[in-house]
Amino acid sequence: VAHITNGSDQGNAISLLRGLNCTHNMLILQESCTDASGSVVVYSPIDL
């Protein structure tokens, strides 16, 4: 649904995800971070 790039690497971004066939009002907030030392993918459900 939304995408914010927060770094020179395309992998550093914040995304807002929504299920296509879901009836409940839940979204997923996700942030991915990466650099030469390692990478992280974090997400959490969040209501509408």
ModelCIF file with pLDDT and N, C-alpha, C, O atoms, coordinates in Angstrom:
data_MODEL
#
_entry.id   MODEL 
#
_entity.id                         1 
_entity.type                       polymer 
_entity.pdbx_number_of_molecules   1 
#
_entity_poly.entity_id                      1 
_entity_poly.type                           'polypeptide(L)' 
_entity_poly.nstd_linkage                   no 
_entity_poly.nstd_monomer                   no 
_entity_poly.pdbx_seq_one_letter_code       VAHITNGSDQGNAISLLRGLNCTHNMLILQESCTDASGSVVVYSPIDL 
_entity_poly.pdbx_seq_one_letter_code_can   VAHITNGSDQGNAISLLRGLNCTHNMLILQESCTDASGSVVVYSPIDL 
_entity_poly.pdbx_strand_id                 A 
#
loop_
_entity_poly_seq.entity_id 
_entity_poly_seq.num 
_entity_poly_seq.mon_id 
_entity_poly_seq.hetero 
1 1  VAL n 
1 2  ALA n 
1 3  HIS n 
1 4  ILE n 
1 5  THR n 
1 6  ASN n 
1 7  GLY n 
1 8  SER n 
1 9  ASP n 
1 10 GLN n 
1 11 GLY n 
1 12 ASN n 
1 13 ALA n 
1 14 ILE n 
1 15 SER n 
1 16 LEU n 
1 17 LEU n 
1 18 ARG n 
1 19 GLY n 
1 20 LEU n 
1 21 ASN n 
1 22 CYS n 
1 23 THR n 
1 24 HIS n 
1 25 ASN n 
1 26 MET n 
1 27 LEU n 
1 28 ILE n 
1 29 LEU n 
1 30 GLN n 
1 31 GLU n 
1 32 SER n 
1 33 CYS n 
1 34 THR n 
1 35 ASP n 
1 36 ALA n 
1 37 SER n 
1 38 GLY n 
1 39 SER n 
1 40 VAL n 
1 41 VAL n 
1 42 VAL n 
1 43 TYR n 
1 44 SER n 
1 45 PRO n 
1 46 ILE n 
1 47 ASP n 
1 48 LEU n 
#
_struct_asym.id          A 
_struct_asym.entity_id   1 
#
loop_
_ma_qa_metric.id 
_ma_qa_metric.mode 
_ma_qa_metric.name 
_ma_qa_metric.software_group_id 
_ma_qa_metric.type 
1 global pLDDT . pLDDT 
2 local  pLDDT . pLDDT 
#
_ma_qa_metric_global.metric_id      1 
_ma_qa_metric_global.metric_value   86.12 
_ma_qa_metric_global.model_id       1 
_ma_qa_metric_global.ordinal_id     1 
#
loop_
_ma_qa_metric_local.label_asym_id 
_ma_qa_metric_local.label_comp_id 
_ma_qa_metric_local.label_seq_id 
_ma_qa_metric_local.metric_id 
_ma_qa_metric_local.metric_value 
_ma_qa_metric_local.model_id 
_ma_qa_metric_local.ordinal_id 
A VAL 1  2 86.00 1 1  
A ALA 2  2 87.00 1 2  
A HIS 3  2 88.00 1 3  
A ILE 4  2 89.00 1 4  
A THR 5  2 87.00 1 5  
A ASN 6  2 87.00 1 6  
A GLY 7  2 84.00 1 7  
A SER 8  2 85.00 1 8  
A ASP 9  2 86.00 1 9  
A GLN 10 2 86.00 1 10 
A GLY 11 2 88.00 1 11 
A ASN 12 2 93.00 1 12 
A ALA 13 2 92.00 1 13 
A ILE 14 2 92.00 1 14 
A SER 15 2 91.00 1 15 
A LEU 16 2 90.00 1 16 
A LEU 17 2 88.00 1 17 
A ARG 18 2 84.00 1 18 
A GLY 19 2 77.00 1 19 
A LEU 20 2 66.00 1 20 
A ASN 21 2 62.00 1 21 
A CYS 22 2 59.00 1 22 
A THR 23 2 53.00 1 23 
A HIS 24 2 62.00 1 24 
A ASN 25 2 74.00 1 25 
A MET 26 2 80.00 1 26 
A LEU 27 2 88.00 1 27 
A ILE 28 2 90.00 1 28 
A LEU 29 2 92.00 1 29 
A GLN 30 2 94.00 1 30 
A GLU 31 2 95.00 1 31 
A SER 32 2 95.00 1 32 
A CYS 33 2 94.00 1 33 
A THR 34 2 94.00 1 34 
A ASP 35 2 91.00 1 35 
A ALA 36 2 88.00 1 36 
A SER 37 2 89.00 1 37 
A GLY 38 2 92.00 1 38 
A SER 39 2 95.00 1 39 
A VAL 40 2 95.00 1 40 
A VAL 41 2 96.00 1 41 
A VAL 42 2 95.00 1 42 
A TYR 43 2 94.00 1 43 
A SER 44 2 92.00 1 44 
A PRO 45 2 90.00 1 45 
A ILE 46 2 88.00 1 46 
A ASP 47 2 86.00 1 47 
A LEU 48 2 85.00 1 48 
#
loop_
_atom_site.group_PDB 
_atom_site.id 
_atom_site.type_symbol 
_atom_site.label_atom_id 
_atom_site.label_alt_id 
_atom_site.label_comp_id 
_atom_site.label_asym_id 
_atom_site.label_entity_id 
_atom_site.label_seq_id 
_atom_site.pdbx_PDB_ins_code 
_atom_site.Cartn_x 
_atom_site.Cartn_y 
_atom_site.Cartn_z 
_atom_site.occupancy 
_atom_site.B_iso_or_equiv 
_atom_site.pdbx_formal_charge 
_atom_site.auth_seq_id 
_atom_site.auth_comp_id 
_atom_site.auth_asym_id 
_atom_site.auth_atom_id 
_atom_site.pdbx_PDB_model_num 
ATOM 1   N N  . VAL A 1 1  ? 0.826   -1.206  0.000  1.00 86.00 ? 1  VAL A N  1 
ATOM 2   C CA . VAL A 1 1  ? 0.000   0.000   0.000  1.00 86.00 ? 1  VAL A CA 1 
ATOM 3   C C  . VAL A 1 1  ? 0.859   1.254   0.000  1.00 86.00 ? 1  VAL A C  1 
ATOM 4   O O  . VAL A 1 1  ? 0.554   2.217   -0.703 1.00 86.00 ? 1  VAL A O  1 
ATOM 5   N N  . ALA A 1 2  ? 1.925   1.249   0.779  1.00 87.00 ? 2  ALA A N  1 
ATOM 6   C CA . ALA A 1 2  ? 2.819   2.412   0.869  1.00 87.00 ? 2  ALA A CA 1 
ATOM 7   C C  . ALA A 1 2  ? 4.250   1.913   0.961  1.00 87.00 ? 2  ALA A C  1 
ATOM 8   O O  . ALA A 1 2  ? 4.520   0.820   1.459  1.00 87.00 ? 2  ALA A O  1 
ATOM 9   N N  . HIS A 1 3  ? 5.153   2.738   0.468  1.00 88.00 ? 3  HIS A N  1 
ATOM 10  C CA . HIS A 1 3  ? 6.572   2.374   0.458  1.00 88.00 ? 3  HIS A CA 1 
ATOM 11  C C  . HIS A 1 3  ? 7.397   3.643   0.604  1.00 88.00 ? 3  HIS A C  1 
ATOM 12  O O  . HIS A 1 3  ? 7.248   4.586   -0.173 1.00 88.00 ? 3  HIS A O  1 
ATOM 13  N N  . ILE A 1 4  ? 8.276   3.658   1.614  1.00 89.00 ? 4  ILE A N  1 
ATOM 14  C CA . ILE A 1 4  ? 9.151   4.807   1.854  1.00 89.00 ? 4  ILE A CA 1 
ATOM 15  C C  . ILE A 1 4  ? 10.588  4.313   1.821  1.00 89.00 ? 4  ILE A C  1 
ATOM 16  O O  . ILE A 1 4  ? 10.970  3.461   2.623  1.00 89.00 ? 4  ILE A O  1 
ATOM 17  N N  . THR A 1 5  ? 11.375  4.832   0.914  1.00 87.00 ? 5  THR A N  1 
ATOM 18  C CA . THR A 1 5  ? 12.792  4.497   0.835  1.00 87.00 ? 5  THR A CA 1 
ATOM 19  C C  . THR A 1 5  ? 13.571  5.398   1.786  1.00 87.00 ? 5  THR A C  1 
ATOM 20  O O  . THR A 1 5  ? 13.442  6.621   1.734  1.00 87.00 ? 5  THR A O  1 
ATOM 21  N N  . ASN A 1 6  ? 14.364  4.805   2.637  1.00 87.00 ? 6  ASN A N  1 
ATOM 22  C CA . ASN A 1 6  ? 15.082  5.606   3.637  1.00 87.00 ? 6  ASN A CA 1 
ATOM 23  C C  . ASN A 1 6  ? 16.579  5.348   3.614  1.00 87.00 ? 6  ASN A C  1 
ATOM 24  O O  . ASN A 1 6  ? 17.216  5.295   4.666  1.00 87.00 ? 6  ASN A O  1 
ATOM 25  N N  . GLY A 1 7  ? 17.150  5.186   2.418  1.00 84.00 ? 7  GLY A N  1 
ATOM 26  C CA . GLY A 1 7  ? 18.586  4.995   2.297  1.00 84.00 ? 7  GLY A CA 1 
ATOM 27  C C  . GLY A 1 7  ? 18.980  4.819   0.850  1.00 84.00 ? 7  GLY A C  1 
ATOM 28  O O  . GLY A 1 7  ? 18.132  4.653   -0.027 1.00 84.00 ? 7  GLY A O  1 
ATOM 29  N N  . SER A 1 8  ? 20.292  4.858   0.608  1.00 85.00 ? 8  SER A N  1 
ATOM 30  C CA . SER A 1 8  ? 20.792  4.697   -0.753 1.00 85.00 ? 8  SER A CA 1 
ATOM 31  C C  . SER A 1 8  ? 20.565  3.289   -1.279 1.00 85.00 ? 8  SER A C  1 
ATOM 32  O O  . SER A 1 8  ? 20.379  3.095   -2.481 1.00 85.00 ? 8  SER A O  1 
ATOM 33  N N  . ASP A 1 9  ? 20.578  2.295   -0.376 1.00 86.00 ? 9  ASP A N  1 
ATOM 34  C CA . ASP A 1 9  ? 20.302  0.917   -0.764 1.00 86.00 ? 9  ASP A CA 1 
ATOM 35  C C  . ASP A 1 9  ? 18.798  0.709   -0.840 1.00 86.00 ? 9  ASP A C  1 
ATOM 36  O O  . ASP A 1 9  ? 18.071  1.118   0.065  1.00 86.00 ? 9  ASP A O  1 
ATOM 37  N N  . GLN A 1 10 ? 18.326  0.081   -1.902 1.00 86.00 ? 10 GLN A N  1 
ATOM 38  C CA . GLN A 1 10 ? 16.895  -0.142  -2.062 1.00 86.00 ? 10 GLN A CA 1 
ATOM 39  C C  . GLN A 1 10 ? 16.342  -1.065  -0.987 1.00 86.00 ? 10 GLN A C  1 
ATOM 40  O O  . GLN A 1 10 ? 15.135  -1.079  -0.745 1.00 86.00 ? 10 GLN A O  1 
ATOM 41  N N  . GLY A 1 11 ? 17.207  -1.833  -0.342 1.00 88.00 ? 11 GLY A N  1 
ATOM 42  C CA . GLY A 1 11 ? 16.741  -2.705  0.722  1.00 88.00 ? 11 GLY A CA 1 
ATOM 43  C C  . GLY A 1 11 ? 16.365  -1.975  1.991  1.00 88.00 ? 11 GLY A C  1 
ATOM 44  O O  . GLY A 1 11 ? 15.678  -2.544  2.838  1.00 88.00 ? 11 GLY A O  1 
ATOM 45  N N  . ASN A 1 12 ? 16.798  -0.713  2.155  1.00 93.00 ? 12 ASN A N  1 
ATOM 46  C CA . ASN A 1 12 ? 16.437  0.076   3.323  1.00 93.00 ? 12 ASN A CA 1 
ATOM 47  C C  . ASN A 1 12 ? 15.128  0.796   3.041  1.00 93.00 ? 12 ASN A C  1 
ATOM 48  O O  . ASN A 1 12 ? 15.115  1.835   2.380  1.00 93.00 ? 12 ASN A O  1 
ATOM 49  N N  . ALA A 1 13 ? 14.041  0.254   3.534  1.00 92.00 ? 13 ALA A N  1 
ATOM 50  C CA . ALA A 1 13 ? 12.729  0.787   3.184  1.00 92.00 ? 13 ALA A CA 1 
ATOM 51  C C  . ALA A 1 13 ? 11.713  0.427   4.253  1.00 92.00 ? 13 ALA A C  1 
ATOM 52  O O  . ALA A 1 13 ? 11.905  -0.504  5.036  1.00 92.00 ? 13 ALA A O  1 
ATOM 53  N N  . ILE A 1 14 ? 10.618  1.194   4.265  1.00 92.00 ? 14 ILE A N  1 
ATOM 54  C CA . ILE A 1 14 ? 9.470   0.954   5.132  1.00 92.00 ? 14 ILE A CA 1 
ATOM 55  C C  . ILE A 1 14 ? 8.270   0.698   4.234  1.00 92.00 ? 14 ILE A C  1 
ATOM 56  O O  . ILE A 1 14 ? 8.012   1.454   3.298  1.00 92.00 ? 14 ILE A O  1 
ATOM 57  N N  . SER A 1 15 ? 7.541   -0.370  4.523  1.00 91.00 ? 15 SER A N  1 
ATOM 58  C CA . SER A 1 15 ? 6.407   -0.747  3.685  1.00 91.00 ? 15 SER A CA 1 
ATOM 59  C C  . SER A 1 15 ? 5.174   -0.955  4.547  1.00 91.00 ? 15 SER A C  1 
ATOM 60  O O  . SER A 1 15 ? 5.257   -1.362  5.705  1.00 91.00 ? 15 SER A O  1 
ATOM 61  N N  . LEU A 1 16 ? 4.031   -0.662  3.946  1.00 90.00 ? 16 LEU A N  1 
ATOM 62  C CA . LEU A 1 16 ? 2.736   -0.946  4.552  1.00 90.00 ? 16 LEU A CA 1 
ATOM 63  C C  . LEU A 1 16 ? 2.035   -1.955  3.651  1.00 90.00 ? 16 LEU A C  1 
ATOM 64  O O  . LEU A 1 16 ? 1.766   -1.673  2.483  1.00 90.00 ? 16 LEU A O  1 
ATOM 65  N N  . LEU A 1 17 ? 1.740   -3.144  4.203  1.00 88.00 ? 17 LEU A N  1 
ATOM 66  C CA . LEU A 1 17 ? 1.224   -4.259  3.419  1.00 88.00 ? 17 LEU A CA 1 
ATOM 67  C C  . LEU A 1 17 ? -0.207  -4.570  3.829  1.00 88.00 ? 17 LEU A C  1 
ATOM 68  O O  . LEU A 1 17 ? -0.606  -4.403  4.981  1.00 88.00 ? 17 LEU A O  1 
ATOM 69  N N  . ARG A 1 18 ? -0.978  -5.037  2.816  1.00 84.00 ? 18 ARG A N  1 
ATOM 70  C CA . ARG A 1 18 ? -2.372  -5.396  3.055  1.00 84.00 ? 18 ARG A CA 1 
ATOM 71  C C  . ARG A 1 18 ? -2.689  -6.676  2.310  1.00 84.00 ? 18 ARG A C  1 
ATOM 72  O O  . ARG A 1 18 ? -2.290  -6.839  1.156  1.00 84.00 ? 18 ARG A O  1 
ATOM 73  N N  . GLY A 1 19 ? -3.411  -7.599  2.963  1.00 77.00 ? 19 GLY A N  1 
ATOM 74  C CA . GLY A 1 19 ? -3.802  -8.843  2.325  1.00 77.00 ? 19 GLY A CA 1 
ATOM 75  C C  . GLY A 1 19 ? -4.887  -8.612  1.291  1.00 77.00 ? 19 GLY A C  1 
ATOM 76  O O  . GLY A 1 19 ? -5.828  -7.855  1.528  1.00 77.00 ? 19 GLY A O  1 
ATOM 77  N N  . LEU A 1 20 ? -4.756  -9.268  0.136  1.00 66.00 ? 20 LEU A N  1 
ATOM 78  C CA . LEU A 1 20 ? -5.720  -9.058  -0.948 1.00 66.00 ? 20 LEU A CA 1 
ATOM 79  C C  . LEU A 1 20 ? -7.065  -9.715  -0.660 1.00 66.00 ? 20 LEU A C  1 
ATOM 80  O O  . LEU A 1 20 ? -8.113  -9.176  -1.015 1.00 66.00 ? 20 LEU A O  1 
ATOM 81  N N  . ASN A 1 21 ? -7.034  -10.877 -0.017 1.00 62.00 ? 21 ASN A N  1 
ATOM 82  C CA . ASN A 1 21 ? -8.267  -11.635 0.197  1.00 62.00 ? 21 ASN A CA 1 
ATOM 83  C C  . ASN A 1 21 ? -8.677  -11.675 1.662  1.00 62.00 ? 21 ASN A C  1 
ATOM 84  O O  . ASN A 1 21 ? -9.412  -12.569 2.082  1.00 62.00 ? 21 ASN A O  1 
ATOM 85  N N  . CYS A 1 22 ? -8.194  -10.692 2.452  1.00 59.00 ? 22 CYS A N  1 
ATOM 86  C CA . CYS A 1 22 ? -8.488  -10.681 3.882  1.00 59.00 ? 22 CYS A CA 1 
ATOM 87  C C  . CYS A 1 22 ? -9.715  -9.809  4.154  1.00 59.00 ? 22 CYS A C  1 
ATOM 88  O O  . CYS A 1 22 ? -9.884  -8.748  3.552  1.00 59.00 ? 22 CYS A O  1 
ATOM 89  N N  . THR A 1 23 ? -10.561 -10.272 5.065  1.00 53.00 ? 23 THR A N  1 
ATOM 90  C CA . THR A 1 23 ? -11.764 -9.520  5.423  1.00 53.00 ? 23 THR A CA 1 
ATOM 91  C C  . THR A 1 23 ? -11.563 -8.658  6.662  1.00 53.00 ? 23 THR A C  1 
ATOM 92  O O  . THR A 1 23 ? -12.312 -7.706  6.879  1.00 53.00 ? 23 THR A O  1 
ATOM 93  N N  . HIS A 1 24 ? -10.546 -8.985  7.489  1.00 62.00 ? 24 HIS A N  1 
ATOM 94  C CA . HIS A 1 24 ? -10.335 -8.210  8.715  1.00 62.00 ? 24 HIS A CA 1 
ATOM 95  C C  . HIS A 1 24 ? -9.541  -6.951  8.402  1.00 62.00 ? 24 HIS A C  1 
ATOM 96  O O  . HIS A 1 24 ? -8.849  -6.852  7.388  1.00 62.00 ? 24 HIS A O  1 
ATOM 97  N N  . ASN A 1 25 ? -9.669  -5.999  9.309  1.00 74.00 ? 25 ASN A N  1 
ATOM 98  C CA . ASN A 1 25 ? -9.043  -4.689  9.106  1.00 74.00 ? 25 ASN A CA 1 
ATOM 99  C C  . ASN A 1 25 ? -7.648  -4.659  9.718  1.00 74.00 ? 25 ASN A C  1 
ATOM 100 O O  . ASN A 1 25 ? -7.376  -3.844  10.600 1.00 74.00 ? 25 ASN A O  1 
ATOM 101 N N  . MET A 1 26 ? -6.767  -5.532  9.262  1.00 80.00 ? 26 MET A N  1 
ATOM 102 C CA . MET A 1 26 ? -5.398  -5.587  9.767  1.00 80.00 ? 26 MET A CA 1 
ATOM 103 C C  . MET A 1 26 ? -4.418  -5.338  8.633  1.00 80.00 ? 26 MET A C  1 
ATOM 104 O O  . MET A 1 26 ? -4.573  -5.855  7.527  1.00 80.00 ? 26 MET A O  1 
ATOM 105 N N  . LEU A 1 27 ? -3.415  -4.540  8.931  1.00 88.00 ? 27 LEU A N  1 
ATOM 106 C CA . LEU A 1 27 ? -2.331  -4.262  8.002  1.00 88.00 ? 27 LEU A CA 1 
ATOM 107 C C  . LEU A 1 27 ? -1.025  -4.748  8.623  1.00 88.00 ? 27 LEU A C  1 
ATOM 108 O O  . LEU A 1 27 ? -0.990  -5.124  9.794  1.00 88.00 ? 27 LEU A O  1 
ATOM 109 N N  . ILE A 1 28 ? 0.042   -4.740  7.836  1.00 90.00 ? 28 ILE A N  1 
ATOM 110 C CA . ILE A 1 28 ? 1.365   -5.131  8.314  1.00 90.00 ? 28 ILE A CA 1 
ATOM 111 C C  . ILE A 1 28 ? 2.334   -3.988  8.028  1.00 90.00 ? 28 ILE A C  1 
ATOM 112 O O  . ILE A 1 28 ? 2.506   -3.571  6.883  1.00 90.00 ? 28 ILE A O  1 
ATOM 113 N N  . LEU A 1 29 ? 2.958   -3.495  9.086  1.00 92.00 ? 29 LEU A N  1 
ATOM 114 C CA . LEU A 1 29 ? 4.016   -2.487  8.950  1.00 92.00 ? 29 LEU A CA 1 
ATOM 115 C C  . LEU A 1 29 ? 5.351   -3.214  8.954  1.00 92.00 ? 29 LEU A C  1 
ATOM 116 O O  . LEU A 1 29 ? 5.643   -3.984  9.869  1.00 92.00 ? 29 LEU A O  1 
ATOM 117 N N  . GLN A 1 30 ? 6.156   -2.972  7.936  1.00 94.00 ? 30 GLN A N  1 
ATOM 118 C CA . GLN A 1 30 ? 7.432   -3.686  7.791  1.00 94.00 ? 30 GLN A CA 1 
ATOM 119 C C  . GLN A 1 30 ? 8.549   -2.703  7.506  1.00 94.00 ? 30 GLN A C  1 
ATOM 120 O O  . GLN A 1 30 ? 8.384   -1.765  6.726  1.00 94.00 ? 30 GLN A O  1 
ATOM 121 N N  . GLU A 1 31 ? 9.686   -2.926  8.143  1.00 95.00 ? 31 GLU A N  1 
ATOM 122 C CA . GLU A 1 31 ? 10.897  -2.169  7.816  1.00 95.00 ? 31 GLU A CA 1 
ATOM 123 C C  . GLU A 1 31 ? 12.027  -3.151  7.577  1.00 95.00 ? 31 GLU A C  1 
ATOM 124 O O  . GLU A 1 31 ? 12.225  -4.096  8.341  1.00 95.00 ? 31 GLU A O  1 
ATOM 125 N N  . SER A 1 32 ? 12.762  -2.911  6.507  1.00 95.00 ? 32 SER A N  1 
ATOM 126 C CA . SER A 1 32 ? 13.935  -3.721  6.175  1.00 95.00 ? 32 SER A CA 1 
ATOM 127 C C  . SER A 1 32 ? 15.165  -2.827  6.202  1.00 95.00 ? 32 SER A C  1 
ATOM 128 O O  . SER A 1 32 ? 15.148  -1.720  5.663  1.00 95.00 ? 32 SER A O  1 
ATOM 129 N N  . CYS A 1 33 ? 16.233  -3.308  6.831  1.00 94.00 ? 33 CYS A N  1 
ATOM 130 C CA . CYS A 1 33 ? 17.481  -2.559  6.960  1.00 94.00 ? 33 CYS A CA 1 
ATOM 131 C C  . CYS A 1 33 ? 18.631  -3.474  6.556  1.00 94.00 ? 33 CYS A C  1 
ATOM 132 O O  . CYS A 1 33 ? 18.642  -4.658  6.892  1.00 94.00 ? 33 CYS A O  1 
ATOM 133 N N  . THR A 1 34 ? 19.585  -2.922  5.841  1.00 94.00 ? 34 THR A N  1 
ATOM 134 C CA . THR A 1 34 ? 20.750  -3.709  5.451  1.00 94.00 ? 34 THR A CA 1 
ATOM 135 C C  . THR A 1 34 ? 21.968  -2.819  5.313  1.00 94.00 ? 34 THR A C  1 
ATOM 136 O O  . THR A 1 34 ? 21.869  -1.678  4.862  1.00 94.00 ? 34 THR A O  1 
ATOM 137 N N  . ASP A 1 35 ? 23.109  -3.343  5.700  1.00 91.00 ? 35 ASP A N  1 
ATOM 138 C CA . ASP A 1 35 ? 24.397  -2.713  5.469  1.00 91.00 ? 35 ASP A CA 1 
ATOM 139 C C  . ASP A 1 35 ? 25.439  -3.817  5.421  1.00 91.00 ? 35 ASP A C  1 
ATOM 140 O O  . ASP A 1 35 ? 25.097  -4.999  5.416  1.00 91.00 ? 35 ASP A O  1 
ATOM 141 N N  . ALA A 1 36 ? 26.699  -3.440  5.388  1.00 88.00 ? 36 ALA A N  1 
ATOM 142 C CA . ALA A 1 36 ? 27.752  -4.441  5.212  1.00 88.00 ? 36 ALA A CA 1 
ATOM 143 C C  . ALA A 1 36 ? 27.869  -5.394  6.393  1.00 88.00 ? 36 ALA A C  1 
ATOM 144 O O  . ALA A 1 36 ? 28.422  -6.484  6.244  1.00 88.00 ? 36 ALA A O  1 
ATOM 145 N N  . SER A 1 37 ? 27.360  -5.009  7.568  1.00 89.00 ? 37 SER A N  1 
ATOM 146 C CA . SER A 1 37 ? 27.506  -5.853  8.752  1.00 89.00 ? 37 SER A CA 1 
ATOM 147 C C  . SER A 1 37 ? 26.357  -6.820  8.950  1.00 89.00 ? 37 SER A C  1 
ATOM 148 O O  . SER A 1 37 ? 26.495  -7.778  9.711  1.00 89.00 ? 37 SER A O  1 
ATOM 149 N N  . GLY A 1 38 ? 25.222  -6.601  8.289  1.00 92.00 ? 38 GLY A N  1 
ATOM 150 C CA . GLY A 1 38 ? 24.093  -7.496  8.471  1.00 92.00 ? 38 GLY A CA 1 
ATOM 151 C C  . GLY A 1 38 ? 22.800  -6.869  7.985  1.00 92.00 ? 38 GLY A C  1 
ATOM 152 O O  . GLY A 1 38 ? 22.771  -5.721  7.540  1.00 92.00 ? 38 GLY A O  1 
ATOM 153 N N  . SER A 1 39 ? 21.727  -7.654  8.080  1.00 95.00 ? 39 SER A N  1 
ATOM 154 C CA . SER A 1 39 ? 20.424  -7.213  7.599  1.00 95.00 ? 39 SER A CA 1 
ATOM 155 C C  . SER A 1 39 ? 19.353  -7.581  8.610  1.00 95.00 ? 39 SER A C  1 
ATOM 156 O O  . SER A 1 39 ? 19.494  -8.537  9.373  1.00 95.00 ? 39 SER A O  1 
ATOM 157 N N  . VAL A 1 40 ? 18.272  -6.797  8.600  1.00 95.00 ? 40 VAL A N  1 
ATOM 158 C CA . VAL A 1 40 ? 17.148  -7.008  9.511  1.00 95.00 ? 40 VAL A CA 1 
ATOM 159 C C  . VAL A 1 40 ? 15.859  -6.803  8.744  1.00 95.00 ? 40 VAL A C  1 
ATOM 160 O O  . VAL A 1 40 ? 15.743  -5.862  7.959  1.00 95.00 ? 40 VAL A O  1 
ATOM 161 N N  . VAL A 1 41 ? 14.882  -7.682  8.966  1.00 96.00 ? 41 VAL A N  1 
ATOM 162 C CA . VAL A 1 41 ? 13.526  -7.525  8.448  1.00 96.00 ? 41 VAL A CA 1 
ATOM 163 C C  . VAL A 1 41 ? 12.594  -7.629  9.644  1.00 96.00 ? 41 VAL A C  1 
ATOM 164 O O  . VAL A 1 41 ? 12.521  -8.674  10.291 1.00 96.00 ? 41 VAL A O  1 
ATOM 165 N N  . VAL A 1 42 ? 11.875  -6.536  9.940  1.00 95.00 ? 42 VAL A N  1 
ATOM 166 C CA . VAL A 1 42 ? 11.001  -6.468  11.113 1.00 95.00 ? 42 VAL A CA 1 
ATOM 167 C C  . VAL A 1 42 ? 9.597   -6.107  10.646 1.00 95.00 ? 42 VAL A C  1 
ATOM 168 O O  . VAL A 1 42 ? 9.423   -5.271  9.760  1.00 95.00 ? 42 VAL A O  1 
ATOM 169 N N  . TYR A 1 43 ? 8.607   -6.739  11.244 1.00 94.00 ? 43 TYR A N  1 
ATOM 170 C CA . TYR A 1 43 ? 7.224   -6.444  10.876 1.00 94.00 ? 43 TYR A CA 1 
ATOM 171 C C  . TYR A 1 43 ? 6.341   -6.567  12.109 1.00 94.00 ? 43 TYR A C  1 
ATOM 172 O O  . TYR A 1 43 ? 6.702   -7.219  13.089 1.00 94.00 ? 43 TYR A O  1 
ATOM 173 N N  . SER A 1 44 ? 5.173   -5.925  12.043 1.00 92.00 ? 44 SER A N  1 
ATOM 174 C CA . SER A 1 44 ? 4.217   -5.979  13.132 1.00 92.00 ? 44 SER A CA 1 
ATOM 175 C C  . SER A 1 44 ? 2.827   -5.740  12.576 1.00 92.00 ? 44 SER A C  1 
ATOM 176 O O  . SER A 1 44 ? 2.648   -4.863  11.731 1.00 92.00 ? 44 SER A O  1 
ATOM 177 N N  . PRO A 1 45 ? 1.835   -6.500  13.031 1.00 90.00 ? 45 PRO A N  1 
ATOM 178 C CA . PRO A 1 45 ? 0.454   -6.198  12.620 1.00 90.00 ? 45 PRO A CA 1 
ATOM 179 C C  . PRO A 1 45 ? -0.016  -4.893  13.246 1.00 90.00 ? 45 PRO A C  1 
ATOM 180 O O  . PRO A 1 45 ? 0.380   -4.550  14.359 1.00 90.00 ? 45 PRO A O  1 
ATOM 181 N N  . ILE A 1 46 ? -0.841  -4.189  12.542 1.00 88.00 ? 46 ILE A N  1 
ATOM 182 C CA . ILE A 1 46 ? -1.379  -2.918  13.026 1.00 88.00 ? 46 ILE A CA 1 
ATOM 183 C C  . ILE A 1 46 ? -2.785  -2.760  12.470 1.00 88.00 ? 46 ILE A C  1 
ATOM 184 O O  . ILE A 1 46 ? -3.016  -3.013  11.287 1.00 88.00 ? 46 ILE A O  1 
ATOM 185 N N  . ASP A 1 47 ? -3.717  -2.347  13.305 1.00 86.00 ? 47 ASP A N  1 
ATOM 186 C CA . ASP A 1 47 ? -5.108  -2.268  12.844 1.00 86.00 ? 47 ASP A CA 1 
ATOM 187 C C  . ASP A 1 47 ? -5.340  -1.006  12.038 1.00 86.00 ? 47 ASP A C  1 
ATOM 188 O O  . ASP A 1 47 ? -4.534  -0.076  12.056 1.00 86.00 ? 47 ASP A O  1 
ATOM 189 N N  . LEU A 1 48 ? -6.447  -0.993  11.338 1.00 85.00 ? 48 LEU A N  1 
ATOM 190 C CA . LEU A 1 48 ? -6.753  0.105   10.422 1.00 85.00 ? 48 LEU A CA 1 
ATOM 191 C C  . LEU A 1 48 ? -6.978  1.431   11.137 1.00 85.00 ? 48 LEU A C  1 
ATOM 192 O O  . LEU A 1 48 ? -7.245  2.444   10.490 1.00 85.00 ? 48 LEU A O  1 
#
